[in-house]
Amino acid sequence: MTDAILHLTEELMSSWWIYLALFGFAALDGFFPAIPSETLVVTAGVFAATGEPNLYGVIAVAAVGAFLGDHVSYFLGRGAGGRLIERTKPGTKRHAMTQWARTALAERGGLVLVVARYVPGGRTAVTLTMGAVRYPARKFTFFAGLAAISWGIYCSLVGYIGGKAFEDNPLKGVLLGIGLALAVTLLVEVVRHLRRKRHTSESETPEPEVEVELTTVGER
């Protein structure tokens, strides 16, 4: 069974269809986070260590797909989410939180967008919210490009490292690559938790957290 799966995977990775799949998965993941695009990119990176598919092709296609998906999410938020925000009444808690989110994103929206690329589900919440609060499209495109390129390089190279470590056993390389990706994600989550905890302890009346507001608006 293992040999059959490996053979089927090798055939897929050596076909031009893999580039279409990478593009589609990365794009869909931008506004439908249940799609395991990161796993597919890491797996493609593992097999790229053997020559097929092309590593640079994997990076480019994954980045372009992610870039497109983020823009779909952004414009979805700019449409429906924007109308919901415009209807909030001044003086209400929802209106106050919306204004805070608008200010926070205006000050450090680029950093939030890039970091959210590595947070499970975070990328969709952030892009939806940035559209809803009318974050400038030109600035969004610039930072979305940085986020997509860095993500494509990161996932592909993580897989490539796993592939090089286990050139004779690609399945082990896939497991190592996915393990490395999960470790980085866990590290990001730990850092975010520690920063949030420190911020809360230092402030007598802490402001709403970026992550909470982003998720709330993204879900509307």
C-alpha atoms as a PDB file:
ATOM      1  CA  MET A   1       0.000   0.000   0.000  1.00  0.00           C
ATOM      2  CA  THR A   2       2.811   2.403   0.906  1.00  0.00           C
ATOM      3  CA  ASP A   3       4.602   1.676  -2.371  1.00  0.00           C
ATOM      4  CA  ALA A   4       1.384   2.269  -4.311  1.00  0.00           C
ATOM      5  CA  ILE A   5       0.797   5.615  -2.609  1.00  0.00           C
ATOM      6  CA  LEU A   6       4.409   6.636  -3.192  1.00  0.00           C
ATOM      7  CA  HIS A   7       4.213   5.647  -6.854  1.00  0.00           C
ATOM      8  CA  LEU A   8       0.973   7.601  -7.342  1.00  0.00           C
ATOM      9  CA  THR A   9       2.429  10.645  -5.596  1.00  0.00           C
ATOM     10  CA  GLU A  10       5.582  10.530  -7.699  1.00  0.00           C
ATOM     11  CA  GLU A  11       3.506  10.399 -10.859  1.00  0.00           C
ATOM     12  CA  LEU A  12       1.483  13.426  -9.733  1.00  0.00           C
ATOM     13  CA  MET A  13       4.588  15.388  -8.768  1.00  0.00           C
ATOM     14  CA  SER A  14       6.225  14.742 -12.135  1.00  0.00           C
ATOM     15  CA  SER A  15       3.143  15.936 -14.046  1.00  0.00           C
ATOM     16  CA  TRP A  16       2.397  19.517 -15.031  1.00  0.00           C
ATOM     17  CA  TRP A  17      -0.923  19.079 -13.217  1.00  0.00           C
ATOM     18  CA  ILE A  18       0.881  19.604  -9.920  1.00  0.00           C
ATOM     19  CA  TYR A  19       1.414  23.268 -10.762  1.00  0.00           C
ATOM     20  CA  LEU A  20      -2.294  23.719 -11.456  1.00  0.00           C
ATOM     21  CA  ALA A  21      -3.133  21.957  -8.195  1.00  0.00           C
ATOM     22  CA  LEU A  22      -0.686  24.113  -6.237  1.00  0.00           C
ATOM     23  CA  PHE A  23      -2.138  27.269  -7.727  1.00  0.00           C
ATOM     24  CA  GLY A  24      -5.725  26.200  -7.073  1.00  0.00           C
ATOM     25  CA  PHE A  25      -5.136  25.042  -3.505  1.00  0.00           C
ATOM     26  CA  ALA A  26      -3.172  28.179  -2.578  1.00  0.00           C
ATOM     27  CA  ALA A  27      -5.816  30.448  -4.094  1.00  0.00           C
ATOM     28  CA  LEU A  28      -8.756  28.693  -2.430  1.00  0.00           C
ATOM     29  CA  ASP A  29      -6.978  28.677   0.926  1.00  0.00           C
ATOM     30  CA  GLY A  30      -6.980  32.475   0.825  1.00  0.00           C
ATOM     31  CA  PHE A  31     -10.740  32.623   1.444  1.00  0.00           C
ATOM     32  CA  PHE A  32     -11.561  29.003   2.373  1.00  0.00           C
ATOM     33  CA  PRO A  33      -9.024  27.994   5.074  1.00  0.00           C
ATOM     34  CA  ALA A  34     -10.117  24.337   5.187  1.00  0.00           C
ATOM     35  CA  ILE A  35      -8.011  23.727   2.065  1.00  0.00           C
ATOM     36  CA  PRO A  36      -4.606  22.164   3.050  1.00  0.00           C
ATOM     37  CA  SER A  37      -2.509  24.266   0.681  1.00  0.00           C
ATOM     38  CA  GLU A  38       0.517  24.387   2.977  1.00  0.00           C
ATOM     39  CA  THR A  39       0.710  20.584   3.141  1.00  0.00           C
ATOM     40  CA  LEU A  40       0.622  20.319  -0.655  1.00  0.00           C
ATOM     41  CA  VAL A  41       3.325  22.953  -1.102  1.00  0.00           C
ATOM     42  CA  VAL A  42       5.556  21.273   1.487  1.00  0.00           C
ATOM     43  CA  THR A  43       5.031  17.909  -0.229  1.00  0.00           C
ATOM     44  CA  ALA A  44       5.898  19.412  -3.613  1.00  0.00           C
ATOM     45  CA  GLY A  45       9.031  20.889  -2.040  1.00  0.00           C
ATOM     46  CA  VAL A  46      10.027  17.441  -0.780  1.00  0.00           C
ATOM     47  CA  PHE A  47       9.814  15.930  -4.246  1.00  0.00           C
ATOM     48  CA  ALA A  48      11.509  18.969  -5.759  1.00  0.00           C
ATOM     49  CA  ALA A  49      14.651  17.748  -3.979  1.00  0.00           C
ATOM     50  CA  THR A  50      14.705  14.883  -6.490  1.00  0.00           C
ATOM     51  CA  GLY A  51      14.297  17.201  -9.487  1.00  0.00           C
ATOM     52  CA  GLU A  52      10.539  16.972 -10.118  1.00  0.00           C
ATOM     53  CA  PRO A  53       8.683  19.252  -9.789  1.00  0.00           C
ATOM     54  CA  ASN A  54      10.892  22.305 -10.276  1.00  0.00           C
ATOM     55  CA  LEU A  55      11.534  24.062  -6.963  1.00  0.00           C
ATOM     56  CA  TYR A  56      11.354  27.564  -8.431  1.00  0.00           C
ATOM     57  CA  GLY A  57       8.140  26.646 -10.219  1.00  0.00           C
ATOM     58  CA  VAL A  58       6.611  25.430  -6.958  1.00  0.00           C
ATOM     59  CA  ILE A  59       7.556  28.665  -5.182  1.00  0.00           C
ATOM     60  CA  ALA A  60       6.236  30.879  -7.976  1.00  0.00           C
ATOM     61  CA  VAL A  61       2.926  29.070  -8.505  1.00  0.00           C
ATOM     62  CA  ALA A  62       2.196  28.782  -4.767  1.00  0.00           C
ATOM     63  CA  ALA A  63       2.960  32.484  -4.230  1.00  0.00           C
ATOM     64  CA  VAL A  64       0.791  33.628  -7.155  1.00  0.00           C
ATOM     65  CA  GLY A  65      -2.094  31.439  -5.976  1.00  0.00           C
ATOM     66  CA  ALA A  66      -1.829  32.767  -2.422  1.00  0.00           C
ATOM     67  CA  PHE A  67      -1.652  36.340  -3.718  1.00  0.00           C
ATOM     68  CA  LEU A  68      -4.824  35.876  -5.767  1.00  0.00           C
ATOM     69  CA  GLY A  69      -6.671  34.147  -2.914  1.00  0.00           C
ATOM     70  CA  ASP A  70      -5.845  36.952  -0.499  1.00  0.00           C
ATOM     71  CA  HIS A  71      -7.290  39.484  -2.928  1.00  0.00           C
ATOM     72  CA  VAL A  72     -10.503  37.495  -3.324  1.00  0.00           C
ATOM     73  CA  SER A  73     -10.878  37.499   0.465  1.00  0.00           C
ATOM     74  CA  TYR A  74     -10.046  41.224   0.641  1.00  0.00           C
ATOM     75  CA  PHE A  75     -12.710  42.182  -1.897  1.00  0.00           C
ATOM     76  CA  LEU A  76     -15.273  39.912  -0.265  1.00  0.00           C
ATOM     77  CA  GLY A  77     -14.666  41.811   2.957  1.00  0.00           C
ATOM     78  CA  ARG A  78     -14.732  45.132   1.134  1.00  0.00           C
ATOM     79  CA  GLY A  79     -18.180  44.288  -0.214  1.00  0.00           C
ATOM     80  CA  ALA A  80     -20.371  42.583   2.373  1.00  0.00           C
ATOM     81  CA  GLY A  81     -18.162  43.318   5.384  1.00  0.00           C
ATOM     82  CA  GLY A  82     -17.812  46.966   4.441  1.00  0.00           C
ATOM     83  CA  ARG A  83     -21.569  47.461   4.243  1.00  0.00           C
ATOM     84  CA  LEU A  84     -22.027  45.904   7.684  1.00  0.00           C
ATOM     85  CA  ILE A  85     -19.422  48.221   9.180  1.00  0.00           C
ATOM     86  CA  GLU A  86     -20.983  51.302   7.573  1.00  0.00           C
ATOM     87  CA  ARG A  87     -24.266  50.460   9.309  1.00  0.00           C
ATOM     88  CA  THR A  88     -22.782  50.396  12.815  1.00  0.00           C
ATOM     89  CA  LYS A  89     -24.153  53.166  14.998  1.00  0.00           C
ATOM     90  CA  PRO A  90     -21.714  55.725  16.496  1.00  0.00           C
ATOM     91  CA  GLY A  91     -21.383  55.357  20.231  1.00  0.00           C
ATOM     92  CA  THR A  92     -21.901  51.592  20.259  1.00  0.00           C
ATOM     93  CA  LYS A  93     -19.254  49.097  21.303  1.00  0.00           C
ATOM     94  CA  ARG A  94     -19.211  47.572  17.820  1.00  0.00           C
ATOM     95  CA  HIS A  95     -18.578  50.971  16.245  1.00  0.00           C
ATOM     96  CA  ALA A  96     -15.768  51.705  18.730  1.00  0.00           C
ATOM     97  CA  MET A  97     -14.083  48.368  18.052  1.00  0.00           C
ATOM     98  CA  THR A  98     -14.401  48.917  14.298  1.00  0.00           C
ATOM     99  CA  GLN A  99     -12.709  52.293  14.570  1.00  0.00           C
ATOM    100  CA  TRP A 100      -9.968  50.788  16.714  1.00  0.00           C
ATOM    101  CA  ALA A 101      -9.376  48.037  14.163  1.00  0.00           C
ATOM    102  CA  ARG A 102      -9.247  50.620  11.372  1.00  0.00           C
ATOM    103  CA  THR A 103      -6.616  52.611  13.279  1.00  0.00           C
ATOM    104  CA  ALA A 104      -4.572  49.534  14.224  1.00  0.00           C
ATOM    105  CA  LEU A 105      -4.481  48.294  10.641  1.00  0.00           C
ATOM    106  CA  ALA A 106      -3.601  51.740   9.338  1.00  0.00           C
ATOM    107  CA  GLU A 107      -0.603  51.853  11.696  1.00  0.00           C
ATOM    108  CA  ARG A 108       0.725  48.317  11.305  1.00  0.00           C
ATOM    109  CA  GLY A 109      -1.549  46.558   8.834  1.00  0.00           C
ATOM    110  CA  GLY A 110       1.326  45.372   6.652  1.00  0.00           C
ATOM    111  CA  LEU A 111       3.029  43.581   9.529  1.00  0.00           C
ATOM    112  CA  VAL A 112      -0.259  42.037  10.652  1.00  0.00           C
ATOM    113  CA  LEU A 113      -0.939  40.744   7.146  1.00  0.00           C
ATOM    114  CA  VAL A 114       2.504  39.179   6.702  1.00  0.00           C
ATOM    115  CA  VAL A 115       2.481  37.512  10.138  1.00  0.00           C
ATOM    116  CA  ALA A 116      -1.096  36.268   9.659  1.00  0.00           C
ATOM    117  CA  ARG A 117       0.115  34.246   6.663  1.00  0.00           C
ATOM    118  CA  TYR A 118       1.662  31.822   9.163  1.00  0.00           C
ATOM    119  CA  VAL A 119      -1.294  31.649  11.569  1.00  0.00           C
ATOM    120  CA  PRO A 120      -3.877  28.906  10.859  1.00  0.00           C
ATOM    121  CA  GLY A 121      -7.078  30.634   9.771  1.00  0.00           C
ATOM    122  CA  GLY A 122      -5.528  33.996  10.541  1.00  0.00           C
ATOM    123  CA  ARG A 123      -4.864  34.961   6.939  1.00  0.00           C
ATOM    124  CA  THR A 124      -8.561  34.803   6.025  1.00  0.00           C
ATOM    125  CA  ALA A 125      -9.707  36.762   9.076  1.00  0.00           C
ATOM    126  CA  VAL A 126      -7.113  39.464   8.426  1.00  0.00           C
ATOM    127  CA  THR A 127      -7.748  39.860   4.699  1.00  0.00           C
ATOM    128  CA  LEU A 128     -11.516  39.950   5.196  1.00  0.00           C
ATOM    129  CA  THR A 129     -11.140  42.579   7.905  1.00  0.00           C
ATOM    130  CA  MET A 130      -8.749  44.705   5.875  1.00  0.00           C
ATOM    131  CA  GLY A 131     -11.302  44.781   3.091  1.00  0.00           C
ATOM    132  CA  ALA A 132     -14.155  45.529   5.497  1.00  0.00           C
ATOM    133  CA  VAL A 133     -12.396  48.533   7.070  1.00  0.00           C
ATOM    134  CA  ARG A 134     -11.370  49.824   3.628  1.00  0.00           C
ATOM    135  CA  TYR A 135      -7.635  49.326   4.060  1.00  0.00           C
ATOM    136  CA  PRO A 136      -6.022  50.965   0.980  1.00  0.00           C
ATOM    137  CA  ALA A 137      -6.010  48.475  -1.901  1.00  0.00           C
ATOM    138  CA  ARG A 138      -2.579  49.562  -3.150  1.00  0.00           C
ATOM    139  CA  LYS A 139      -0.959  49.024   0.239  1.00  0.00           C
ATOM    140  CA  PHE A 140      -2.798  45.739   0.648  1.00  0.00           C
ATOM    141  CA  THR A 141      -1.489  44.510  -2.699  1.00  0.00           C
ATOM    142  CA  PHE A 142       2.087  45.389  -1.756  1.00  0.00           C
ATOM    143  CA  PHE A 143       2.031  43.611   1.597  1.00  0.00           C
ATOM    144  CA  ALA A 144      -0.025  40.702   0.252  1.00  0.00           C
ATOM    145  CA  GLY A 145       2.715  40.236  -2.329  1.00  0.00           C
ATOM    146  CA  LEU A 146       5.395  40.159   0.371  1.00  0.00           C
ATOM    147  CA  ALA A 147       3.345  37.720   2.443  1.00  0.00           C
ATOM    148  CA  ALA A 148       2.654  35.410  -0.502  1.00  0.00           C
ATOM    149  CA  ILE A 149       6.266  35.323  -1.697  1.00  0.00           C
ATOM    150  CA  SER A 150       7.649  34.696   1.792  1.00  0.00           C
ATOM    151  CA  TRP A 151       5.055  31.969   2.382  1.00  0.00           C
ATOM    152  CA  GLY A 152       5.790  30.262  -0.937  1.00  0.00           C
ATOM    153  CA  ILE A 153       9.525  30.282  -0.260  1.00  0.00           C
ATOM    154  CA  TYR A 154       9.084  29.110   3.333  1.00  0.00           C
ATOM    155  CA  CYS A 155       6.780  26.156   2.585  1.00  0.00           C
ATOM    156  CA  SER A 156       8.766  25.041  -0.458  1.00  0.00           C
ATOM    157  CA  LEU A 157      12.136  25.199   1.298  1.00  0.00           C
ATOM    158  CA  VAL A 158      10.826  23.429   4.399  1.00  0.00           C
ATOM    159  CA  GLY A 159       9.754  20.571   2.145  1.00  0.00           C
ATOM    160  CA  TYR A 160      12.978  20.735   0.161  1.00  0.00           C
ATOM    161  CA  ILE A 161      15.016  20.357   3.357  1.00  0.00           C
ATOM    162  CA  GLY A 162      12.973  17.297   4.287  1.00  0.00           C
ATOM    163  CA  GLY A 163      13.451  15.884   0.800  1.00  0.00           C
ATOM    164  CA  LYS A 164      17.201  16.340   0.933  1.00  0.00           C
ATOM    165  CA  ALA A 165      17.374  14.728   4.371  1.00  0.00           C
ATOM    166  CA  PHE A 166      15.531  11.620   3.133  1.00  0.00           C
ATOM    167  CA  GLU A 167      16.295  11.398  -0.582  1.00  0.00           C
ATOM    168  CA  ASP A 168      15.768   7.628  -0.557  1.00  0.00           C
ATOM    169  CA  ASN A 169      12.473   7.831   1.337  1.00  0.00           C
ATOM    170  CA  PRO A 170      10.260  10.746   0.209  1.00  0.00           C
ATOM    171  CA  LEU A 171       7.482   9.824   2.651  1.00  0.00           C
ATOM    172  CA  LYS A 172       9.823  10.436   5.578  1.00  0.00           C
ATOM    173  CA  GLY A 173      10.818  13.680   3.921  1.00  0.00           C
ATOM    174  CA  VAL A 174       7.167  14.724   3.755  1.00  0.00           C
ATOM    175  CA  LEU A 175       6.699  13.913   7.444  1.00  0.00           C
ATOM    176  CA  LEU A 176       9.809  15.887   8.352  1.00  0.00           C
ATOM    177  CA  GLY A 177       8.753  18.834   6.218  1.00  0.00           C
ATOM    178  CA  ILE A 178       5.258  18.952   7.683  1.00  0.00           C
ATOM    179  CA  GLY A 179       6.740  18.558  11.167  1.00  0.00           C
ATOM    180  CA  LEU A 180       9.029  21.543  10.595  1.00  0.00           C
ATOM    181  CA  ALA A 181       6.119  23.619   9.304  1.00  0.00           C
ATOM    182  CA  LEU A 182       4.020  22.725  12.359  1.00  0.00           C
ATOM    183  CA  ALA A 183       6.921  23.576  14.647  1.00  0.00           C
ATOM    184  CA  VAL A 184       7.232  27.046  13.114  1.00  0.00           C
ATOM    185  CA  THR A 185       3.464  27.576  13.404  1.00  0.00           C
ATOM    186  CA  LEU A 186       3.576  26.514  17.054  1.00  0.00           C
ATOM    187  CA  LEU A 187       6.460  28.910  17.690  1.00  0.00           C
ATOM    188  CA  VAL A 188       4.492  31.796  16.172  1.00  0.00           C
ATOM    189  CA  GLU A 189       1.498  30.936  18.347  1.00  0.00           C
ATOM    190  CA  VAL A 190       3.632  30.792  21.508  1.00  0.00           C
ATOM    191  CA  VAL A 191       5.202  34.175  20.759  1.00  0.00           C
ATOM    192  CA  ARG A 192       1.777  35.700  20.107  1.00  0.00           C
ATOM    193  CA  HIS A 193       0.440  34.260  23.367  1.00  0.00           C
ATOM    194  CA  LEU A 194       3.364  35.602  25.397  1.00  0.00           C
ATOM    195  CA  ARG A 195       3.101  39.061  23.814  1.00  0.00           C
ATOM    196  CA  ARG A 196      -0.651  39.150  24.445  1.00  0.00           C
ATOM    197  CA  LYS A 197      -0.162  38.063  28.059  1.00  0.00           C
ATOM    198  CA  ARG A 198       2.502  40.704  28.667  1.00  0.00           C
ATOM    199  CA  HIS A 199       0.385  43.400  27.066  1.00  0.00           C
ATOM    200  CA  THR A 200      -2.598  42.488  29.241  1.00  0.00           C
ATOM    201  CA  SER A 201      -0.560  42.495  32.446  1.00  0.00           C
ATOM    202  CA  GLU A 202       1.010  45.896  31.682  1.00  0.00           C
ATOM    203  CA  SER A 203      -2.248  47.637  30.857  1.00  0.00           C
ATOM    204  CA  GLU A 204      -4.950  48.407  33.407  1.00  0.00           C
ATOM    205  CA  THR A 205      -7.589  48.705  30.688  1.00  0.00           C
ATOM    206  CA  PRO A 206      -6.243  46.698  27.784  1.00  0.00           C
ATOM    207  CA  GLU A 207      -7.485  47.502  24.316  1.00  0.00           C
ATOM    208  CA  PRO A 208      -9.186  44.789  22.260  1.00  0.00           C
ATOM    209  CA  GLU A 209      -6.608  42.462  20.775  1.00  0.00           C
ATOM    210  CA  VAL A 210      -5.972  42.571  17.050  1.00  0.00           C
ATOM    211  CA  GLU A 211      -6.565  38.863  16.688  1.00  0.00           C
ATOM    212  CA  VAL A 212      -9.959  38.993  18.415  1.00  0.00           C
ATOM    213  CA  GLU A 213     -11.262  41.928  16.397  1.00  0.00           C
ATOM    214  CA  LEU A 214      -9.980  40.553  13.127  1.00  0.00           C
ATOM    215  CA  THR A 215     -11.685  37.250  13.693  1.00  0.00           C
ATOM    216  CA  THR A 216     -14.926  38.913  14.764  1.00  0.00           C
ATOM    217  CA  VAL A 217     -15.186  41.104  11.701  1.00  0.00           C
ATOM    218  CA  GLY A 218     -14.072  38.294   9.424  1.00  0.00           C
ATOM    219  CA  GLU A 219     -16.918  36.116  10.643  1.00  0.00           C
ATOM    220  CA  ARG A 220     -19.672  38.642   9.927  1.00  0.00           C
END
